[in-house]
Amino acid sequence: MAETTNTPVAILGLGAMGKALAAAFLKAGLPTTVWNRTPGKDADLVAAGAAGAATVDEAIRAGGLIITVLLDHASVHATLDPVAHRLSGRQLINLTSTAPGEARELAAWAAEHGSAYLDGGIMAVPSMIGQPGASILYSGSHEVFDAHRETLELLAAAEYFGDDAGLASTYDFALLAAMYAMFGGFLHGAAMMRSVGVSAAEFGERAAAWVAAMTQSLPYQGRVIDAGNYADPVQSIAFHKSALDAINRASHDAGVTLDFVAPLQSLLDRQVTDGHGTLAFERTFEELH
């Protein structure tokens, strides 16, 4: 049975995201203890009703669910290793950005110390926490997820992907890879438009609508990749190579470097050289592994 949202929580790490999570719990009336390595970062949260812990040990002894929101995998160990003896019988949720293998290592480490472990990938920026559109992807202990789902949904829509502690972070980083590639393309385009006197803000309005329209093709592209049949292209690799060649010439004329587009150009060039130019653009997936 899921526990009520009166469950106490301890937030370890008060960067922008940790503060946002703690604030959401406080707004919902949960007893919330906060800790940060640098003193003083909890002042606003304490004023809002949080209990400020001077040490990690004090935060953990406050009881309830333990949530880590730290810099990286090493920071989680640096924070929790000294208090590992306190974790037996406790439930730990790690919302630090850790790679899949690191999440699996933390799950095994937690199990060795008698703690149930759930890993999460936050698909939101701090200002989105507690708002529609935010989501957090979880994997690891089903027991922890089921017991605290109501509490977790105070932060964002919560989705569980199974007991492999590394699966949520794989989804997280795969989605972020798509996001960063999109951002890189926008920056490249904005640099091109500046050369003809168009502001990045103005270009951003047009780019947002264009990119949103193009993303509608992603499920179709996924089906083509899963089928592995690239022989009936909507547009061929050779067609896209020609388009990238033209983009490169236009970029050169605009004085824009090719740092973002050059890797894709290289992938297309290689496939054409290898005799795959008549196949579908989606075949580029096969060059990545």
C-alpha atoms as a PDB file:
ATOM      1  CA  MET A   1       0.000   0.000   0.000  1.00  0.00           C
ATOM      2  CA  ALA A   2       1.310   3.443  -0.871  1.00  0.00           C
ATOM      3  CA  GLU A   3       2.258   5.643   2.046  1.00  0.00           C
ATOM      4  CA  THR A   4       0.548   8.978   2.490  1.00  0.00           C
ATOM      5  CA  THR A   5       2.213  12.234   1.604  1.00  0.00           C
ATOM      6  CA  ASN A   6       2.886  12.841   5.304  1.00  0.00           C
ATOM      7  CA  THR A   7       6.015  10.721   4.875  1.00  0.00           C
ATOM      8  CA  PRO A   8       9.075  12.634   6.130  1.00  0.00           C
ATOM      9  CA  VAL A   9      11.787  13.274   3.556  1.00  0.00           C
ATOM     10  CA  ALA A  10      15.447  14.213   3.826  1.00  0.00           C
ATOM     11  CA  ILE A  11      16.955  16.075   0.874  1.00  0.00           C
ATOM     12  CA  LEU A  12      20.743  15.802   0.582  1.00  0.00           C
ATOM     13  CA  GLY A  13      22.058  18.489  -1.756  1.00  0.00           C
ATOM     14  CA  LEU A  14      20.691  21.994  -2.211  1.00  0.00           C
ATOM     15  CA  GLY A  15      21.707  23.060  -5.667  1.00  0.00           C
ATOM     16  CA  ALA A  16      18.982  24.606  -7.780  1.00  0.00           C
ATOM     17  CA  MET A  17      17.227  21.255  -8.275  1.00  0.00           C
ATOM     18  CA  GLY A  18      17.541  20.134  -4.661  1.00  0.00           C
ATOM     19  CA  LYS A  19      16.032  23.412  -3.504  1.00  0.00           C
ATOM     20  CA  ALA A  20      13.162  23.037  -5.958  1.00  0.00           C
ATOM     21  CA  LEU A  21      12.391  19.515  -4.748  1.00  0.00           C
ATOM     22  CA  ALA A  22      12.483  20.560  -1.101  1.00  0.00           C
ATOM     23  CA  ALA A  23      10.243  23.552  -1.806  1.00  0.00           C
ATOM     24  CA  ALA A  24       7.685  21.312  -3.517  1.00  0.00           C
ATOM     25  CA  PHE A  25       7.600  18.976  -0.523  1.00  0.00           C
ATOM     26  CA  LEU A  26       7.227  21.885   1.885  1.00  0.00           C
ATOM     27  CA  LYS A  27       4.403  23.351  -0.180  1.00  0.00           C
ATOM     28  CA  ALA A  28       2.591  20.009   0.138  1.00  0.00           C
ATOM     29  CA  GLY A  29       3.109  20.014   3.911  1.00  0.00           C
ATOM     30  CA  LEU A  30       5.611  17.166   4.152  1.00  0.00           C
ATOM     31  CA  PRO A  31       8.059  17.160   7.064  1.00  0.00           C
ATOM     32  CA  THR A  32      11.274  18.007   5.187  1.00  0.00           C
ATOM     33  CA  THR A  33      14.856  17.924   6.423  1.00  0.00           C
ATOM     34  CA  VAL A  34      17.540  19.505   4.242  1.00  0.00           C
ATOM     35  CA  TRP A  35      21.332  19.306   4.176  1.00  0.00           C
ATOM     36  CA  ASN A  36      24.014  20.841   1.977  1.00  0.00           C
ATOM     37  CA  ARG A  37      27.788  20.586   2.106  1.00  0.00           C
ATOM     38  CA  THR A  38      28.074  24.394   1.996  1.00  0.00           C
ATOM     39  CA  PRO A  39      26.404  25.948   5.065  1.00  0.00           C
ATOM     40  CA  GLY A  40      23.784  28.643   4.618  1.00  0.00           C
ATOM     41  CA  LYS A  41      22.158  27.419   1.420  1.00  0.00           C
ATOM     42  CA  ASP A  42      19.179  26.156   3.421  1.00  0.00           C
ATOM     43  CA  ALA A  43      18.181  29.552   4.848  1.00  0.00           C
ATOM     44  CA  ASP A  44      15.146  30.133   2.612  1.00  0.00           C
ATOM     45  CA  LEU A  45      13.942  26.567   3.049  1.00  0.00           C
ATOM     46  CA  VAL A  46      14.328  26.694   6.823  1.00  0.00           C
ATOM     47  CA  ALA A  47      12.377  29.960   6.855  1.00  0.00           C
ATOM     48  CA  ALA A  48       9.654  28.135   4.900  1.00  0.00           C
ATOM     49  CA  GLY A  49       9.473  25.348   7.480  1.00  0.00           C
ATOM     50  CA  ALA A  50      12.228  22.865   6.654  1.00  0.00           C
ATOM     51  CA  ALA A  51      14.479  21.420   9.319  1.00  0.00           C
ATOM     52  CA  GLY A  52      18.088  22.291   8.565  1.00  0.00           C
ATOM     53  CA  ALA A  53      20.582  19.519   9.341  1.00  0.00           C
ATOM     54  CA  ALA A  54      24.169  20.429  10.156  1.00  0.00           C
ATOM     55  CA  THR A  55      25.467  17.018   9.066  1.00  0.00           C
ATOM     56  CA  VAL A  56      24.423  14.169   6.780  1.00  0.00           C
ATOM     57  CA  ASP A  57      24.161  11.934   9.836  1.00  0.00           C
ATOM     58  CA  GLU A  58      21.701  14.352  11.422  1.00  0.00           C
ATOM     59  CA  ALA A  59      19.621  14.507   8.223  1.00  0.00           C
ATOM     60  CA  ILE A  60      19.405  10.734   7.961  1.00  0.00           C
ATOM     61  CA  ARG A  61      18.564  10.277  11.642  1.00  0.00           C
ATOM     62  CA  ALA A  62      15.558  12.548  11.116  1.00  0.00           C
ATOM     63  CA  GLY A  63      13.911   9.511   9.515  1.00  0.00           C
ATOM     64  CA  GLY A  64      11.817   9.004   6.418  1.00  0.00           C
ATOM     65  CA  LEU A  65      12.772   8.822   2.785  1.00  0.00           C
ATOM     66  CA  ILE A  66      16.344   9.778   1.825  1.00  0.00           C
ATOM     67  CA  ILE A  67      16.720  11.658  -1.479  1.00  0.00           C
ATOM     68  CA  THR A  68      20.138  12.542  -2.889  1.00  0.00           C
ATOM     69  CA  VAL A  69      20.369  15.416  -5.394  1.00  0.00           C
ATOM     70  CA  LEU A  70      24.122  15.909  -5.640  1.00  0.00           C
ATOM     71  CA  LEU A  71      26.678  16.850  -8.277  1.00  0.00           C
ATOM     72  CA  ASP A  72      27.686  13.424  -9.536  1.00  0.00           C
ATOM     73  CA  HIS A  73      28.263   9.753  -8.698  1.00  0.00           C
ATOM     74  CA  ALA A  74      31.411  10.494  -6.709  1.00  0.00           C
ATOM     75  CA  SER A  75      29.517  13.066  -4.645  1.00  0.00           C
ATOM     76  CA  VAL A  76      26.904  10.473  -3.694  1.00  0.00           C
ATOM     77  CA  HIS A  77      29.592   8.166  -2.344  1.00  0.00           C
ATOM     78  CA  ALA A  78      31.449  11.007  -0.628  1.00  0.00           C
ATOM     79  CA  THR A  79      28.214  11.967   1.109  1.00  0.00           C
ATOM     80  CA  LEU A  80      26.829   8.537   1.997  1.00  0.00           C
ATOM     81  CA  ASP A  81      29.904   6.352   2.559  1.00  0.00           C
ATOM     82  CA  PRO A  82      30.613   7.862   6.002  1.00  0.00           C
ATOM     83  CA  VAL A  83      27.022   7.165   7.134  1.00  0.00           C
ATOM     84  CA  ALA A  84      26.530   3.816   5.386  1.00  0.00           C
ATOM     85  CA  HIS A  85      25.924   2.168   8.769  1.00  0.00           C
ATOM     86  CA  ARG A  86      22.786   4.303   9.110  1.00  0.00           C
ATOM     87  CA  LEU A  87      21.190   3.019   5.894  1.00  0.00           C
ATOM     88  CA  SER A  88      20.092  -0.447   6.983  1.00  0.00           C
ATOM     89  CA  GLY A  89      16.341  -0.735   6.619  1.00  0.00           C
ATOM     90  CA  ARG A  90      16.079   2.685   4.959  1.00  0.00           C
ATOM     91  CA  GLN A  91      14.843   3.642   1.495  1.00  0.00           C
ATOM     92  CA  LEU A  92      17.096   5.701  -0.758  1.00  0.00           C
ATOM     93  CA  ILE A  93      16.156   7.568  -3.929  1.00  0.00           C
ATOM     94  CA  ASN A  94      19.033   8.945  -5.995  1.00  0.00           C
ATOM     95  CA  LEU A  95      18.076  11.853  -8.273  1.00  0.00           C
ATOM     96  CA  THR A  96      21.682  12.805  -8.975  1.00  0.00           C
ATOM     97  CA  SER A  97      22.669  12.631 -12.658  1.00  0.00           C
ATOM     98  CA  THR A  98      24.525   9.323 -12.681  1.00  0.00           C
ATOM     99  CA  ALA A  99      25.378   7.181 -15.700  1.00  0.00           C
ATOM    100  CA  PRO A 100      23.580   3.817 -15.986  1.00  0.00           C
ATOM    101  CA  GLY A 101      26.550   1.786 -14.771  1.00  0.00           C
ATOM    102  CA  GLU A 102      26.985   4.158 -11.849  1.00  0.00           C
ATOM    103  CA  ALA A 103      23.320   3.791 -10.916  1.00  0.00           C
ATOM    104  CA  ARG A 104      23.683  -0.004 -10.942  1.00  0.00           C
ATOM    105  CA  GLU A 105      26.799   0.266  -8.779  1.00  0.00           C
ATOM    106  CA  LEU A 106      24.924   2.448  -6.277  1.00  0.00           C
ATOM    107  CA  ALA A 107      22.031  -0.025  -6.200  1.00  0.00           C
ATOM    108  CA  ALA A 108      24.438  -2.873  -5.393  1.00  0.00           C
ATOM    109  CA  TRP A 109      26.215  -0.716  -2.803  1.00  0.00           C
ATOM    110  CA  ALA A 110      22.904   0.210  -1.156  1.00  0.00           C
ATOM    111  CA  ALA A 111      21.849  -3.450  -1.061  1.00  0.00           C
ATOM    112  CA  GLU A 112      25.116  -4.360   0.683  1.00  0.00           C
ATOM    113  CA  HIS A 113      24.171  -1.880   3.388  1.00  0.00           C
ATOM    114  CA  GLY A 114      20.582  -3.086   3.723  1.00  0.00           C
ATOM    115  CA  SER A 115      18.969  -0.167   1.879  1.00  0.00           C
ATOM    116  CA  ALA A 116      16.358  -0.343  -0.888  1.00  0.00           C
ATOM    117  CA  TYR A 117      17.451   1.810  -3.851  1.00  0.00           C
ATOM    118  CA  LEU A 118      15.477   3.670  -6.504  1.00  0.00           C
ATOM    119  CA  ASP A 119      17.189   5.717  -9.228  1.00  0.00           C
ATOM    120  CA  GLY A 120      15.578   8.634 -11.010  1.00  0.00           C
ATOM    121  CA  GLY A 121      16.187  10.783 -14.062  1.00  0.00           C
ATOM    122  CA  ILE A 122      14.667  14.260 -13.795  1.00  0.00           C
ATOM    123  CA  MET A 123      13.179  15.408 -17.089  1.00  0.00           C
ATOM    124  CA  ALA A 124      12.682  19.017 -16.034  1.00  0.00           C
ATOM    125  CA  VAL A 125      14.498  22.184 -15.068  1.00  0.00           C
ATOM    126  CA  PRO A 126      14.104  23.409 -11.471  1.00  0.00           C
ATOM    127  CA  SER A 127      11.331  25.900 -12.279  1.00  0.00           C
ATOM    128  CA  MET A 128       9.198  23.062 -13.694  1.00  0.00           C
ATOM    129  CA  ILE A 129       9.172  20.996 -10.492  1.00  0.00           C
ATOM    130  CA  GLY A 130       5.631  20.634  -9.186  1.00  0.00           C
ATOM    131  CA  GLN A 131       4.229  21.969 -12.467  1.00  0.00           C
ATOM    132  CA  PRO A 132       2.514  20.274 -15.428  1.00  0.00           C
ATOM    133  CA  GLY A 133       5.004  19.020 -17.996  1.00  0.00           C
ATOM    134  CA  ALA A 134       7.656  17.897 -15.516  1.00  0.00           C
ATOM    135  CA  SER A 135       8.408  14.203 -15.268  1.00  0.00           C
ATOM    136  CA  ILE A 136      10.840  11.988 -13.415  1.00  0.00           C
ATOM    137  CA  LEU A 137      11.743   8.536 -14.735  1.00  0.00           C
ATOM    138  CA  TYR A 138      12.458   5.826 -12.166  1.00  0.00           C
ATOM    139  CA  SER A 139      13.957   2.349 -12.078  1.00  0.00           C
ATOM    140  CA  GLY A 140      15.269   0.101  -9.347  1.00  0.00           C
ATOM    141  CA  SER A 141      13.275  -0.963  -6.286  1.00  0.00           C
ATOM    142  CA  HIS A 142       9.617  -1.460  -7.162  1.00  0.00           C
ATOM    143  CA  GLU A 143       8.896  -1.525  -3.430  1.00  0.00           C
ATOM    144  CA  VAL A 144      10.216   2.001  -2.965  1.00  0.00           C
ATOM    145  CA  PHE A 145       8.393   3.312  -6.027  1.00  0.00           C
ATOM    146  CA  ASP A 146       5.050   1.791  -5.025  1.00  0.00           C
ATOM    147  CA  ALA A 147       5.366   2.910  -1.422  1.00  0.00           C
ATOM    148  CA  HIS A 148       6.159   6.520  -2.288  1.00  0.00           C
ATOM    149  CA  ARG A 149       4.522   7.143  -5.642  1.00  0.00           C
ATOM    150  CA  GLU A 150       2.052   9.624  -4.176  1.00  0.00           C
ATOM    151  CA  THR A 151       4.916  11.540  -2.600  1.00  0.00           C
ATOM    152  CA  LEU A 152       7.013  11.438  -5.770  1.00  0.00           C
ATOM    153  CA  GLU A 153       4.155  12.795  -7.849  1.00  0.00           C
ATOM    154  CA  LEU A 154       4.231  15.959  -5.779  1.00  0.00           C
ATOM    155  CA  LEU A 155       7.426  16.698  -7.719  1.00  0.00           C
ATOM    156  CA  ALA A 156       6.507  15.582 -11.236  1.00  0.00           C
ATOM    157  CA  ALA A 157       4.734  12.868 -13.169  1.00  0.00           C
ATOM    158  CA  ALA A 158       6.371   9.625 -12.035  1.00  0.00           C
ATOM    159  CA  GLU A 159       6.976   6.700 -14.400  1.00  0.00           C
ATOM    160  CA  TYR A 160       8.563   3.371 -13.426  1.00  0.00           C
ATOM    161  CA  PHE A 161      10.663   1.355 -15.907  1.00  0.00           C
ATOM    162  CA  GLY A 162      11.539  -1.798 -13.983  1.00  0.00           C
ATOM    163  CA  ASP A 163      14.051  -3.173 -11.538  1.00  0.00           C
ATOM    164  CA  ASP A 164      17.208  -2.422 -13.585  1.00  0.00           C
ATOM    165  CA  ALA A 165      18.517   0.584 -11.655  1.00  0.00           C
ATOM    166  CA  GLY A 166      20.353   1.847 -14.762  1.00  0.00           C
ATOM    167  CA  LEU A 167      17.360   1.939 -17.111  1.00  0.00           C
ATOM    168  CA  ALA A 168      15.916   5.277 -16.006  1.00  0.00           C
ATOM    169  CA  SER A 169      19.244   7.034 -16.448  1.00  0.00           C
ATOM    170  CA  THR A 170      19.665   5.439 -19.883  1.00  0.00           C
ATOM    171  CA  TYR A 171      16.345   6.985 -20.904  1.00  0.00           C
ATOM    172  CA  ASP A 172      17.378  10.254 -19.248  1.00  0.00           C
ATOM    173  CA  PHE A 173      20.693  10.600 -21.069  1.00  0.00           C
ATOM    174  CA  ALA A 174      19.305   9.346 -24.388  1.00  0.00           C
ATOM    175  CA  LEU A 175      16.619  12.046 -24.261  1.00  0.00           C
ATOM    176  CA  LEU A 176      19.192  14.626 -23.221  1.00  0.00           C
ATOM    177  CA  ALA A 177      21.399  13.604 -26.158  1.00  0.00           C
ATOM    178  CA  ALA A 178      18.508  14.413 -28.496  1.00  0.00           C
ATOM    179  CA  MET A 179      17.939  17.696 -26.675  1.00  0.00           C
ATOM    180  CA  TYR A 180      21.560  18.829 -26.813  1.00  0.00           C
ATOM    181  CA  ALA A 181      21.826  17.970 -30.502  1.00  0.00           C
ATOM    182  CA  MET A 182      18.722  20.081 -31.094  1.00  0.00           C
ATOM    183  CA  PHE A 183      20.144  22.969 -29.050  1.00  0.00           C
ATOM    184  CA  GLY A 184      23.413  22.722 -30.971  1.00  0.00           C
ATOM    185  CA  GLY A 185      21.560  22.912 -34.263  1.00  0.00           C
ATOM    186  CA  PHE A 186      19.664  25.966 -33.037  1.00  0.00           C
ATOM    187  CA  LEU A 187      22.892  27.715 -32.028  1.00  0.00           C
ATOM    188  CA  HIS A 188      24.390  26.969 -35.433  1.00  0.00           C
ATOM    189  CA  GLY A 189      21.308  28.314 -37.196  1.00  0.00           C
ATOM    190  CA  ALA A 190      21.200  31.421 -35.004  1.00  0.00           C
ATOM    191  CA  ALA A 191      24.842  32.112 -35.880  1.00  0.00           C
ATOM    192  CA  MET A 192      24.002  31.868 -39.575  1.00  0.00           C
ATOM    193  CA  MET A 193      21.046  34.244 -39.208  1.00  0.00           C
ATOM    194  CA  ARG A 194      23.083  36.824 -37.306  1.00  0.00           C
ATOM    195  CA  SER A 195      25.228  37.203 -40.421  1.00  0.00           C
ATOM    196  CA  VAL A 196      22.181  38.629 -42.216  1.00  0.00           C
ATOM    197  CA  GLY A 197      20.983  40.781 -39.306  1.00  0.00           C
ATOM    198  CA  VAL A 198      18.298  38.500 -37.844  1.00  0.00           C
ATOM    199  CA  SER A 199      18.280  38.263 -34.047  1.00  0.00           C
ATOM    200  CA  ALA A 200      18.571  34.930 -32.245  1.00  0.00           C
ATOM    201  CA  ALA A 201      15.240  35.628 -30.520  1.00  0.00           C
ATOM    202  CA  GLU A 202      13.452  36.151 -33.831  1.00  0.00           C
ATOM    203  CA  PHE A 203      15.051  33.028 -35.279  1.00  0.00           C
ATOM    204  CA  GLY A 204      14.106  31.115 -32.134  1.00  0.00           C
ATOM    205  CA  GLU A 205      10.400  31.786 -32.705  1.00  0.00           C
ATOM    206  CA  ARG A 206      10.581  30.350 -36.214  1.00  0.00           C
ATOM    207  CA  ALA A 207      12.885  27.471 -35.232  1.00  0.00           C
ATOM    208  CA  ALA A 208      10.580  26.345 -32.406  1.00  0.00           C
ATOM    209  CA  ALA A 209       7.669  25.833 -34.794  1.00  0.00           C
ATOM    210  CA  TRP A 210       9.862  24.111 -37.398  1.00  0.00           C
ATOM    211  CA  VAL A 211      11.508  21.714 -34.948  1.00  0.00           C
ATOM    212  CA  ALA A 212       8.144  20.858 -33.358  1.00  0.00           C
ATOM    213  CA  ALA A 213       6.776  19.954 -36.787  1.00  0.00           C
ATOM    214  CA  MET A 214       9.818  17.816 -37.620  1.00  0.00           C
ATOM    215  CA  THR A 215       9.627  15.828 -34.380  1.00  0.00           C
ATOM    216  CA  GLN A 216       6.355  14.330 -35.570  1.00  0.00           C
ATOM    217  CA  SER A 217       8.421  12.033 -37.804  1.00  0.00           C
ATOM    218  CA  LEU A 218      10.417  10.495 -34.943  1.00  0.00           C
ATOM    219  CA  PRO A 219       8.085   7.514 -34.251  1.00  0.00           C
ATOM    220  CA  TYR A 220       8.135   6.666 -37.981  1.00  0.00           C
ATOM    221  CA  GLN A 221      11.926   6.850 -38.048  1.00  0.00           C
ATOM    222  CA  GLY A 222      12.044   4.593 -35.010  1.00  0.00           C
ATOM    223  CA  ARG A 223       9.900   1.999 -36.787  1.00  0.00           C
ATOM    224  CA  VAL A 224      12.207   2.081 -39.824  1.00  0.00           C
ATOM    225  CA  ILE A 225      15.248   1.549 -37.587  1.00  0.00           C
ATOM    226  CA  ASP A 226      13.607  -1.306 -35.664  1.00  0.00           C
ATOM    227  CA  ALA A 227      12.641  -3.018 -38.927  1.00  0.00           C
ATOM    228  CA  GLY A 228      16.157  -2.530 -40.315  1.00  0.00           C
ATOM    229  CA  ASN A 229      14.768  -2.029 -43.807  1.00  0.00           C
ATOM    230  CA  TYR A 230      16.393   1.033 -45.359  1.00  0.00           C
ATOM    231  CA  ALA A 231      15.804   0.152 -49.020  1.00  0.00           C
ATOM    232  CA  ASP A 232      12.662   2.278 -49.570  1.00  0.00           C
ATOM    233  CA  PRO A 233      13.682   5.744 -48.446  1.00  0.00           C
ATOM    234  CA  VAL A 234      11.513   8.831 -48.210  1.00  0.00           C
ATOM    235  CA  GLN A 235      14.778  10.681 -48.830  1.00  0.00           C
ATOM    236  CA  SER A 236      18.105   8.960 -49.321  1.00  0.00           C
ATOM    237  CA  ILE A 237      21.415   9.398 -47.572  1.00  0.00           C
ATOM    238  CA  ALA A 238      22.804  10.901 -50.785  1.00  0.00           C
ATOM    239  CA  PHE A 239      19.996  13.474 -50.781  1.00  0.00           C
ATOM    240  CA  HIS A 240      20.774  14.475 -47.206  1.00  0.00           C
ATOM    241  CA  LYS A 241      24.510  14.577 -47.957  1.00  0.00           C
ATOM    242  CA  SER A 242      23.814  17.087 -50.714  1.00  0.00           C
ATOM    243  CA  ALA A 243      21.740  19.171 -48.279  1.00  0.00           C
ATOM    244  CA  LEU A 244      24.529  19.095 -45.663  1.00  0.00           C
ATOM    245  CA  ASP A 245      27.082  20.044 -48.305  1.00  0.00           C
ATOM    246  CA  ALA A 246      24.983  23.101 -49.102  1.00  0.00           C
ATOM    247  CA  ILE A 247      24.542  23.964 -45.429  1.00  0.00           C
ATOM    248  CA  ASN A 248      28.300  23.787 -45.001  1.00  0.00           C
ATOM    249  CA  ARG A 249      28.861  26.159 -47.918  1.00  0.00           C
ATOM    250  CA  ALA A 250      26.258  28.570 -46.536  1.00  0.00           C
ATOM    251  CA  SER A 251      27.833  28.345 -43.085  1.00  0.00           C
ATOM    252  CA  HIS A 252      31.268  29.085 -44.504  1.00  0.00           C
ATOM    253  CA  ASP A 253      29.879  32.124 -46.326  1.00  0.00           C
ATOM    254  CA  ALA A 254      28.306  33.300 -43.042  1.00  0.00           C
ATOM    255  CA  GLY A 255      31.559  32.843 -41.142  1.00  0.00           C
ATOM    256  CA  VAL A 256      30.105  30.078 -38.959  1.00  0.00           C
ATOM    257  CA  THR A 257      32.207  27.108 -37.850  1.00  0.00           C
ATOM    258  CA  LEU A 258      31.055  23.557 -38.532  1.00  0.00           C
ATOM    259  CA  ASP A 259      31.567  22.189 -35.023  1.00  0.00           C
ATOM    260  CA  PHE A 260      27.944  21.084 -34.637  1.00  0.00           C
ATOM    261  CA  VAL A 261      27.181  19.852 -38.164  1.00  0.00           C
ATOM    262  CA  ALA A 262      30.539  18.325 -39.102  1.00  0.00           C
ATOM    263  CA  PRO A 263      29.966  15.013 -37.235  1.00  0.00           C
ATOM    264  CA  LEU A 264      26.740  14.363 -39.140  1.00  0.00           C
ATOM    265  CA  GLN A 265      28.439  15.331 -42.398  1.00  0.00           C
ATOM    266  CA  SER A 266      31.157  12.783 -41.643  1.00  0.00           C
ATOM    267  CA  LEU A 267      28.579  10.041 -41.041  1.00  0.00           C
ATOM    268  CA  LEU A 268      26.834  10.780 -44.329  1.00  0.00           C
ATOM    269  CA  ASP A 269      30.078  11.036 -46.310  1.00  0.00           C
ATOM    270  CA  ARG A 270      31.243   7.683 -44.983  1.00  0.00           C
ATOM    271  CA  GLN A 271      28.015   5.939 -45.942  1.00  0.00           C
ATOM    272  CA  VAL A 272      28.034   7.341 -49.466  1.00  0.00           C
ATOM    273  CA  THR A 273      31.677   6.274 -49.866  1.00  0.00           C
ATOM    274  CA  ASP A 274      30.734   2.777 -48.645  1.00  0.00           C
ATOM    275  CA  GLY A 275      27.962   2.480 -51.246  1.00  0.00           C
ATOM    276  CA  HIS A 276      24.933   3.170 -49.037  1.00  0.00           C
ATOM    277  CA  GLY A 277      23.926   6.482 -50.606  1.00  0.00           C
ATOM    278  CA  THR A 278      20.641   5.165 -52.049  1.00  0.00           C
ATOM    279  CA  LEU A 279      19.411   3.920 -48.677  1.00  0.00           C
ATOM    280  CA  ALA A 280      17.226   5.763 -46.188  1.00  0.00           C
ATOM    281  CA  PHE A 281      18.689   8.438 -43.923  1.00  0.00           C
ATOM    282  CA  GLU A 282      17.651   6.309 -40.915  1.00  0.00           C
ATOM    283  CA  ARG A 283      20.447   3.872 -41.836  1.00  0.00           C
ATOM    284  CA  THR A 284      22.812   6.388 -40.208  1.00  0.00           C
ATOM    285  CA  PHE A 285      21.745   4.744 -36.933  1.00  0.00           C
ATOM    286  CA  GLU A 286      23.799   1.695 -37.932  1.00  0.00           C
ATOM    287  CA  GLU A 287      26.972   3.802 -38.042  1.00  0.00           C
ATOM    288  CA  LEU A 288      26.651   4.665 -34.350  1.00  0.00           C
ATOM    289  CA  HIS A 289      27.430   1.271 -32.853  1.00  0.00           C
END
